[in-house]
Amino acid sequence: MKQYLFTALVTAVLTFVLAGAVWRLALRFKLYPAIRERDVHTRPTPRLGGIAMFLGIVVAFGFTAQNDFFHRVWIDPQPVLAILAATVLIVAVGIADDLWDLDWMIKLAAQVGAAAIIAWFGGIQIYSLPVGGLTVGSSWMSVVLTILSIVVVMNAVNFIDGLDGLVAGVALIANGVFFAWSYLLVRDTGQSTYSNLASLIAVVLVGACVGFLPWNWSPAKMFMGDSGALMLGLLMATSGIAVTGQLNPATLDPETLGRSQLLGAFIPVLLPVAVVILPLLDFGLAVIRRTGAGRSPFSPDRKHLHHRLLDLGHSDRSAVLIFYAWAAIVGLAVLLMYIATRENWPGQYWIGVGFGVLGGAACVIVTALPSRRRRPDPRAKDPA
């Protein structure tokens, strides 16, 4: 655990320092776009924070290559190199979009290409689902399902990037919960080949978010942009697939663990979805809303969940904190289910269910009843 925490600290410090350098260069050379109609911020702000996060993550991976503690991750370097190559591609395209607003089809093609690199060259694919021993029928089906999953999560994370500190904080919470689960999974099942890789990805993402959040907290000095948000989505999806899609279902089968562990067979499916449930929900609603109106699912509007919170009367910061609370409650509820069933606590997975219900009820109240109302934003309209 100490090595993981040290890796997160190294990533956080590097990202924080590099973000300062990127911010100064962006201001000096005026590398920031004009204010768009759907934007919440009111002054030109650099959108290149993803560069600092990317560099911090790459250096952190290089550091782990020299650390004997992570030798299992680097025994076969091909998956890690494929992940880094895919990340380079998606960050490069994200930077271009942050500067010049690329066509959505170019961005989608890059996302599919990056996902294909991970699935095809990295060998990180959805081979099975640890529910009843369900396996994917063919190698091509595994590749297609993996690419689709990664692309969906990338866009889901990118879609909620609309308020200061929103994506960085939600990703910090989600990856923190996912790291805890993947770390415990290695301890409980001994399946370390891909779980160690997933834990490493999660912990460097935690570090990158911690290092970038001070620059992105309201009022933000800099945004992570598409380069940062798409990178987060890419790596979060990859870490989830590295565990969930390649676990041996027998190790989580109720017969193996005992009848008290019944829910254990479903945790590997529930938790990766739980940690990105808010981005996925926002993404799904946006696709339905836009396609129903006869528009591209990637066409911009101002009807995302965070925009709706603002329209309810929440301030920018309170809307962000509400998202944090929802992310933490959903993720921790599922994590508690896993811990309770593995440790055979009294009540077992009902502890997690109860936590989720009570926490969710509190969040519903806070969400529906903002502490103060504010005047409607004159820009609060669908630009389409």
Protein backbone atom coordinates (compact mmCIF):
# COMPACT_ATOMS: atom_id res chain seq x y z
CA MET A 1 0.00 0.00 0.00
CA LYS A 2 2.83 2.43 0.81
CA GLN A 3 4.21 2.09 -2.72
CA TYR A 4 0.82 2.89 -4.21
CA LEU A 5 0.43 5.94 -1.99
CA PHE A 6 3.93 7.12 -2.85
CA THR A 7 3.15 6.71 -6.56
CA ALA A 8 -0.02 8.78 -6.14
CA LEU A 9 1.98 11.47 -4.33
CA VAL A 10 4.63 11.58 -7.05
CA THR A 11 1.94 11.88 -9.73
CA ALA A 12 0.13 14.62 -7.80
CA VAL A 13 3.26 16.74 -7.27
CA LEU A 14 4.35 16.36 -10.90
CA THR A 15 0.90 17.23 -12.21
CA PHE A 16 0.60 20.27 -9.96
CA VAL A 17 3.99 21.66 -10.99
CA LEU A 18 3.48 20.89 -14.68
CA ALA A 19 -0.01 22.43 -14.61
CA GLY A 20 1.54 25.70 -13.42
CA ALA A 21 4.01 25.64 -16.32
CA VAL A 22 1.27 24.85 -18.87
CA TRP A 23 -0.94 27.61 -17.45
CA ARG A 24 1.80 30.23 -17.78
CA LEU A 25 2.62 29.18 -21.34
CA ALA A 26 -1.06 29.16 -22.31
CA LEU A 27 -1.53 32.70 -20.99
CA ARG A 28 1.68 33.95 -22.57
CA PHE A 29 0.79 32.66 -26.04
CA LYS A 30 -2.99 33.17 -25.63
CA LEU A 31 -3.75 29.48 -26.10
CA TYR A 32 -7.36 29.63 -25.00
CA PRO A 33 -10.65 29.61 -26.95
CA ALA A 34 -13.33 32.25 -26.96
CA ILE A 35 -16.29 31.92 -24.60
CA ARG A 36 -18.99 29.67 -26.06
CA GLU A 37 -22.70 30.25 -25.54
CA ARG A 38 -23.12 27.06 -23.49
CA ASP A 39 -20.13 27.80 -21.23
CA VAL A 40 -20.64 28.67 -17.57
CA HIS A 41 -17.36 30.58 -17.12
CA THR A 42 -17.25 34.23 -18.18
CA ARG A 43 -13.56 34.86 -18.90
CA PRO A 44 -11.20 33.17 -21.38
CA THR A 45 -9.53 30.24 -19.64
CA PRO A 46 -6.87 27.85 -20.96
CA ARG A 47 -8.18 24.32 -21.65
CA LEU A 48 -4.82 22.53 -21.78
CA GLY A 49 -4.67 21.06 -18.27
CA GLY A 50 -4.85 17.58 -19.77
CA ILE A 51 -1.26 18.04 -20.96
CA ALA A 52 0.00 18.37 -17.39
CA MET A 53 -2.07 15.41 -16.23
CA PHE A 54 -0.80 13.29 -19.13
CA LEU A 55 2.85 14.14 -18.47
CA GLY A 56 2.45 13.46 -14.77
CA ILE A 57 0.92 10.05 -15.51
CA VAL A 58 3.61 9.12 -18.05
CA VAL A 59 6.42 10.01 -15.63
CA ALA A 60 4.67 8.05 -12.88
CA PHE A 61 4.49 4.97 -15.11
CA GLY A 62 8.18 5.39 -15.89
CA PHE A 63 8.88 5.55 -12.18
CA THR A 64 7.03 2.29 -11.54
CA ALA A 65 9.04 0.57 -14.28
CA GLN A 66 12.11 1.05 -12.08
CA ASN A 67 10.34 -0.06 -8.90
CA ASP A 68 10.57 -3.76 -8.02
CA PHE A 69 7.23 -3.55 -6.23
CA PHE A 70 5.49 -3.20 -9.61
CA HIS A 71 7.46 -5.92 -11.38
CA ARG A 72 4.28 -7.93 -12.04
CA VAL A 73 2.89 -5.06 -14.09
CA TRP A 74 6.05 -4.86 -16.20
CA ILE A 75 6.72 -8.60 -16.65
CA ASP A 76 4.89 -8.26 -19.94
CA PRO A 77 5.22 -4.58 -20.92
CA GLN A 78 3.01 -4.82 -24.02
CA PRO A 79 -0.31 -4.00 -22.27
CA VAL A 80 1.22 -0.97 -20.54
CA LEU A 81 2.87 0.28 -23.73
CA ALA A 82 -0.40 -0.15 -25.63
CA ILE A 83 -2.22 1.86 -22.97
CA LEU A 84 0.37 4.64 -23.17
CA ALA A 85 0.21 4.66 -26.98
CA ALA A 86 -3.58 4.92 -26.91
CA THR A 87 -3.30 7.71 -24.35
CA VAL A 88 -0.86 9.64 -26.55
CA LEU A 89 -3.31 9.43 -29.45
CA ILE A 90 -6.34 10.56 -27.48
CA VAL A 91 -4.46 13.38 -25.74
CA ALA A 92 -3.06 14.66 -29.05
CA VAL A 93 -6.52 14.75 -30.63
CA GLY A 94 -7.95 16.29 -27.47
CA ILE A 95 -5.38 19.09 -27.55
CA ALA A 96 -6.20 19.80 -31.19
CA ASP A 97 -9.90 19.94 -30.32
CA ASP A 98 -9.27 22.21 -27.34
CA LEU A 99 -7.45 24.65 -29.61
CA TRP A 100 -9.41 24.42 -32.86
CA ASP A 101 -12.72 22.56 -32.20
CA LEU A 102 -12.42 19.48 -34.41
CA ASP A 103 -15.36 17.85 -36.14
CA TRP A 104 -17.02 15.25 -33.90
CA MET A 105 -16.41 12.48 -36.44
CA ILE A 106 -12.64 13.05 -36.26
CA LYS A 107 -12.78 12.82 -32.47
CA LEU A 108 -14.92 9.68 -32.59
CA ALA A 109 -12.51 8.05 -35.06
CA ALA A 110 -9.61 8.82 -32.72
CA GLN A 111 -11.51 7.37 -29.77
CA VAL A 112 -12.21 4.14 -31.66
CA GLY A 113 -8.55 3.99 -32.72
CA ALA A 114 -7.30 4.45 -29.16
CA ALA A 115 -9.69 1.82 -27.85
CA ALA A 116 -8.63 -0.57 -30.62
CA ILE A 117 -4.97 -0.16 -29.64
CA ILE A 118 -5.78 -1.23 -26.10
CA ALA A 119 -8.00 -4.13 -27.15
CA TRP A 120 -5.95 -5.45 -30.07
CA PHE A 121 -2.33 -4.68 -29.23
CA GLY A 122 -2.66 -4.51 -25.46
CA GLY A 123 -4.76 -7.66 -25.17
CA ILE A 124 -7.00 -6.00 -22.57
CA GLN A 125 -10.43 -7.21 -23.59
CA ILE A 126 -13.75 -8.25 -22.15
CA TYR A 127 -13.38 -12.03 -22.31
CA SER A 128 -15.92 -12.88 -19.63
CA LEU A 129 -18.33 -11.42 -17.12
CA PRO A 130 -18.04 -12.81 -13.61
CA VAL A 131 -21.74 -13.61 -13.33
CA GLY A 132 -22.61 -17.24 -13.71
CA GLY A 133 -19.42 -17.87 -15.69
CA LEU A 134 -20.70 -15.89 -18.70
CA THR A 135 -18.09 -15.73 -21.48
CA VAL A 136 -17.93 -13.72 -24.71
CA GLY A 137 -18.53 -15.85 -27.77
CA SER A 138 -15.60 -14.95 -30.04
CA SER A 139 -12.38 -12.94 -30.22
CA TRP A 140 -13.93 -10.41 -32.58
CA MET A 141 -16.89 -9.99 -30.25
CA SER A 142 -14.48 -9.35 -27.39
CA VAL A 143 -12.66 -6.67 -29.38
CA VAL A 144 -15.88 -4.96 -30.49
CA LEU A 145 -17.40 -5.04 -27.00
CA THR A 146 -14.19 -3.69 -25.49
CA ILE A 147 -13.93 -0.83 -28.00
CA LEU A 148 -17.58 0.09 -27.50
CA SER A 149 -17.22 0.11 -23.71
CA ILE A 150 -14.12 2.31 -23.77
CA VAL A 151 -15.63 4.79 -26.24
CA VAL A 152 -18.84 5.07 -24.21
CA VAL A 153 -16.98 5.74 -20.95
CA MET A 154 -14.66 8.26 -22.63
CA ASN A 155 -17.60 10.29 -23.91
CA ALA A 156 -19.53 9.90 -20.67
CA VAL A 157 -16.68 11.41 -18.66
CA ASN A 158 -16.17 14.16 -21.24
CA PHE A 159 -19.88 15.06 -21.22
CA ILE A 160 -19.90 16.07 -17.55
CA ASP A 161 -16.91 18.40 -17.95
CA GLY A 162 -18.88 21.61 -17.61
CA LEU A 163 -18.19 23.09 -14.16
CA ASP A 164 -15.02 24.03 -12.34
CA GLY A 165 -13.58 20.99 -10.55
CA LEU A 166 -16.40 18.67 -11.60
CA VAL A 167 -14.62 16.01 -13.64
CA ALA A 168 -11.40 16.10 -11.59
CA GLY A 169 -13.29 15.61 -8.33
CA VAL A 170 -15.68 12.95 -9.57
CA ALA A 171 -12.79 11.04 -11.17
CA LEU A 172 -10.78 11.37 -7.95
CA ILE A 173 -13.59 9.81 -5.94
CA ALA A 174 -14.36 7.13 -8.52
CA ASN A 175 -10.76 6.04 -8.92
CA GLY A 176 -10.19 6.11 -5.18
CA VAL A 177 -13.08 3.70 -4.67
CA PHE A 178 -11.99 1.55 -7.60
CA PHE A 179 -8.42 1.40 -6.31
CA ALA A 180 -9.63 0.24 -2.91
CA TRP A 181 -11.69 -2.53 -4.51
CA SER A 182 -8.99 -3.72 -6.93
CA TYR A 183 -6.42 -3.73 -4.12
CA LEU A 184 -8.70 -5.81 -1.90
CA LEU A 185 -9.47 -8.09 -4.82
CA VAL A 186 -5.80 -9.00 -5.22
CA ARG A 187 -5.60 -9.72 -1.51
CA ASP A 188 -8.74 -11.86 -1.48
CA THR A 189 -8.38 -13.80 -4.73
CA GLY A 190 -4.70 -13.70 -5.57
CA GLN A 191 -5.49 -12.76 -9.19
CA SER A 192 -2.75 -10.19 -9.55
CA THR A 193 -1.90 -10.24 -13.26
CA TYR A 194 -4.41 -7.61 -14.31
CA SER A 195 -5.59 -6.42 -10.90
CA ASN A 196 -2.16 -4.89 -10.20
CA LEU A 197 -2.34 -3.03 -13.51
CA ALA A 198 -5.85 -1.80 -12.68
CA SER A 199 -4.75 -0.67 -9.23
CA LEU A 200 -1.77 1.17 -10.72
CA ILE A 201 -3.92 2.96 -13.31
CA ALA A 202 -6.45 3.95 -10.65
CA VAL A 203 -3.83 5.29 -8.25
CA VAL A 204 -2.00 7.40 -10.85
CA LEU A 205 -5.36 8.85 -11.90
CA VAL A 206 -6.04 9.73 -8.26
CA GLY A 207 -2.67 11.47 -8.14
CA ALA A 208 -3.25 13.33 -11.40
CA CYS A 209 -6.66 14.57 -10.22
CA VAL A 210 -5.30 15.65 -6.83
CA GLY A 211 -2.51 17.58 -8.53
CA PHE A 212 -4.77 19.26 -11.07
CA LEU A 213 -7.77 20.06 -8.86
CA PRO A 214 -6.20 23.16 -7.19
CA TRP A 215 -5.86 24.71 -10.66
CA ASN A 216 -9.37 23.69 -11.63
CA TRP A 217 -11.28 24.56 -8.46
CA SER A 218 -13.77 27.42 -8.73
CA PRO A 219 -12.89 29.96 -9.98
CA ALA A 220 -10.75 27.81 -12.27
CA LYS A 221 -7.46 29.06 -13.62
CA MET A 222 -7.38 26.25 -16.15
CA PHE A 223 -9.58 23.46 -17.52
CA MET A 224 -8.43 19.96 -18.37
CA GLY A 225 -10.20 20.16 -21.74
CA ASP A 226 -11.03 17.23 -23.96
CA SER A 227 -7.43 16.04 -23.70
CA GLY A 228 -7.82 15.51 -19.96
CA ALA A 229 -11.43 14.33 -19.82
CA LEU A 230 -11.07 11.83 -22.67
CA MET A 231 -7.83 10.55 -21.15
CA LEU A 232 -9.52 10.01 -17.79
CA GLY A 233 -12.37 8.13 -19.45
CA LEU A 234 -9.97 6.02 -21.50
CA LEU A 235 -7.89 4.97 -18.51
CA MET A 236 -10.85 4.44 -16.19
CA ALA A 237 -12.53 2.16 -18.71
CA THR A 238 -9.27 0.30 -19.29
CA SER A 239 -8.69 -0.32 -15.59
CA GLY A 240 -12.25 -1.62 -15.21
CA ILE A 241 -11.91 -3.98 -18.16
CA ALA A 242 -8.49 -5.14 -16.96
CA VAL A 243 -10.21 -6.63 -13.92
CA THR A 244 -13.86 -7.20 -14.70
CA GLY A 245 -13.51 -8.57 -18.21
CA GLN A 246 -10.69 -10.95 -17.38
CA LEU A 247 -11.46 -12.31 -13.92
CA ASN A 248 -11.83 -16.03 -13.45
CA PRO A 249 -15.54 -16.22 -12.51
CA ALA A 250 -14.90 -19.32 -10.39
CA THR A 251 -12.99 -17.24 -7.84
CA LEU A 252 -16.10 -15.19 -7.15
CA ASP A 253 -18.63 -17.97 -7.47
CA PRO A 254 -20.95 -18.35 -4.45
CA GLU A 255 -20.10 -22.06 -4.21
CA THR A 256 -16.43 -21.16 -3.87
CA LEU A 257 -16.92 -18.34 -1.41
CA GLY A 258 -19.81 -19.74 0.57
CA ARG A 259 -23.51 -18.97 0.47
CA SER A 260 -22.97 -15.79 2.47
CA GLN A 261 -20.95 -14.40 -0.44
CA LEU A 262 -23.82 -14.51 -2.96
CA LEU A 263 -23.50 -10.86 -3.92
CA GLY A 264 -19.75 -11.26 -4.38
CA ALA A 265 -20.30 -12.67 -7.85
CA PHE A 266 -21.97 -9.42 -8.93
CA ILE A 267 -19.57 -6.90 -7.39
CA PRO A 268 -17.08 -6.92 -10.31
CA VAL A 269 -19.91 -5.87 -12.60
CA LEU A 270 -21.55 -3.40 -10.22
CA LEU A 271 -18.53 -1.47 -9.02
CA PRO A 272 -16.93 -0.38 -12.34
CA VAL A 273 -20.38 0.80 -13.45
CA ALA A 274 -21.08 2.46 -10.11
CA VAL A 275 -17.97 4.63 -10.19
CA VAL A 276 -18.96 6.12 -13.56
CA ILE A 277 -22.73 6.01 -13.07
CA LEU A 278 -23.20 9.80 -13.15
CA PRO A 279 -21.22 10.31 -16.39
CA LEU A 280 -23.00 7.33 -17.95
CA LEU A 281 -26.40 8.69 -16.92
CA ASP A 282 -25.63 12.13 -18.32
CA PHE A 283 -24.27 10.59 -21.53
CA GLY A 284 -27.34 8.38 -22.00
CA LEU A 285 -29.77 11.24 -21.44
CA ALA A 286 -27.84 13.46 -23.85
CA VAL A 287 -27.87 10.82 -26.60
CA ILE A 288 -31.60 10.24 -26.19
CA ARG A 289 -32.33 13.96 -26.05
CA ARG A 290 -30.28 14.88 -29.11
CA THR A 291 -31.15 11.97 -31.35
CA GLY A 292 -34.81 12.43 -30.45
CA ALA A 293 -34.51 15.99 -31.74
CA GLY A 294 -32.93 14.75 -34.97
CA ARG A 295 -29.45 15.99 -34.06
CA SER A 296 -26.05 14.37 -33.71
CA PRO A 297 -25.54 12.74 -30.28
CA PHE A 298 -22.32 14.77 -30.05
CA SER A 299 -23.88 18.14 -30.81
CA PRO A 300 -23.46 20.52 -27.84
CA ASP A 301 -26.28 21.86 -25.70
CA ARG A 302 -26.87 23.25 -22.25
CA LYS A 303 -29.08 20.55 -20.81
CA HIS A 304 -26.55 18.38 -19.03
CA LEU A 305 -27.19 17.36 -15.43
CA HIS A 306 -24.84 20.01 -14.06
CA HIS A 307 -26.64 22.68 -16.11
CA ARG A 308 -29.96 21.50 -14.67
CA LEU A 309 -28.58 21.86 -11.15
CA LEU A 310 -27.64 25.44 -11.94
CA ASP A 311 -31.11 26.08 -13.30
CA LEU A 312 -32.58 24.71 -10.07
CA GLY A 313 -30.79 27.50 -8.25
CA HIS A 314 -27.60 25.84 -7.05
CA SER A 315 -24.36 27.77 -7.22
CA ASP A 316 -21.50 26.38 -9.29
CA ARG A 317 -19.72 25.07 -6.22
CA SER A 318 -22.78 23.53 -4.61
CA ALA A 319 -23.64 21.75 -7.87
CA VAL A 320 -20.13 20.32 -7.99
CA LEU A 321 -20.31 19.20 -4.36
CA ILE A 322 -23.64 17.49 -5.04
CA PHE A 323 -21.99 15.53 -7.85
CA TYR A 324 -19.17 14.60 -5.48
CA ALA A 325 -21.68 13.38 -2.91
CA TRP A 326 -23.56 11.25 -5.43
CA ALA A 327 -20.33 9.73 -6.76
CA ALA A 328 -19.09 8.93 -3.26
CA ILE A 329 -22.38 7.44 -2.05
CA VAL A 330 -22.87 5.16 -5.04
CA GLY A 331 -19.25 4.01 -5.14
CA LEU A 332 -18.90 3.50 -1.39
CA ALA A 333 -22.22 1.67 -1.17
CA VAL A 334 -21.06 -0.98 -3.63
CA LEU A 335 -17.60 -1.14 -2.03
CA LEU A 336 -19.23 -1.70 1.37
CA MET A 337 -21.25 -4.56 -0.13
CA TYR A 338 -18.03 -6.23 -1.23
CA ILE A 339 -16.21 -5.70 2.08
CA ALA A 340 -19.19 -6.81 4.17
CA THR A 341 -19.68 -10.03 2.21
CA ARG A 342 -15.97 -10.89 2.18
CA GLU A 343 -15.53 -10.18 5.89
CA ASN A 344 -18.87 -11.81 6.79
CA TRP A 345 -20.09 -8.77 8.68
CA PRO A 346 -23.50 -8.97 10.37
CA GLY A 347 -26.07 -7.93 7.82
CA GLN A 348 -23.47 -8.39 5.09
CA TYR A 349 -24.36 -6.59 1.85
CA TRP A 350 -27.38 -4.91 3.44
CA ILE A 351 -24.90 -2.58 5.12
CA GLY A 352 -23.95 -1.21 1.72
CA VAL A 353 -27.57 -1.13 0.57
CA GLY A 354 -28.62 0.79 3.69
CA PHE A 355 -25.75 3.24 3.28
CA GLY A 356 -26.71 3.80 -0.34
CA VAL A 357 -30.41 4.30 0.43
CA LEU A 358 -29.85 6.73 3.31
CA GLY A 359 -27.10 8.63 1.53
CA GLY A 360 -29.12 8.74 -1.68
CA ALA A 361 -32.17 10.07 0.15
CA ALA A 362 -30.08 12.83 1.71
CA CYS A 363 -28.66 13.72 -1.70
CA VAL A 364 -32.12 13.83 -3.25
CA ILE A 365 -33.25 16.32 -0.62
CA VAL A 366 -30.18 18.52 -1.07
CA THR A 367 -30.45 18.30 -4.87
CA ALA A 368 -34.15 19.20 -4.98
CA LEU A 369 -33.98 21.95 -2.38
CA PRO A 370 -31.04 24.26 -3.09
CA SER A 371 -30.12 26.54 -0.23
CA ARG A 372 -30.61 29.66 -2.29
CA ARG A 373 -32.07 30.71 -5.61
CA ARG A 374 -30.19 32.78 -8.11
CA ARG A 375 -31.25 34.75 -11.10
CA PRO A 376 -31.50 32.77 -14.31
CA ASP A 377 -28.34 32.92 -16.41
CA PRO A 378 -29.13 34.87 -19.60
CA ARG A 379 -26.96 32.32 -21.43
CA ALA A 380 -28.98 29.44 -20.01
CA LYS A 381 -30.55 28.31 -23.23
CA ASP A 382 -29.98 25.61 -25.80
CA PRO A 383 -27.58 27.12 -28.36
CA ALA A 384 -29.04 24.87 -31.04
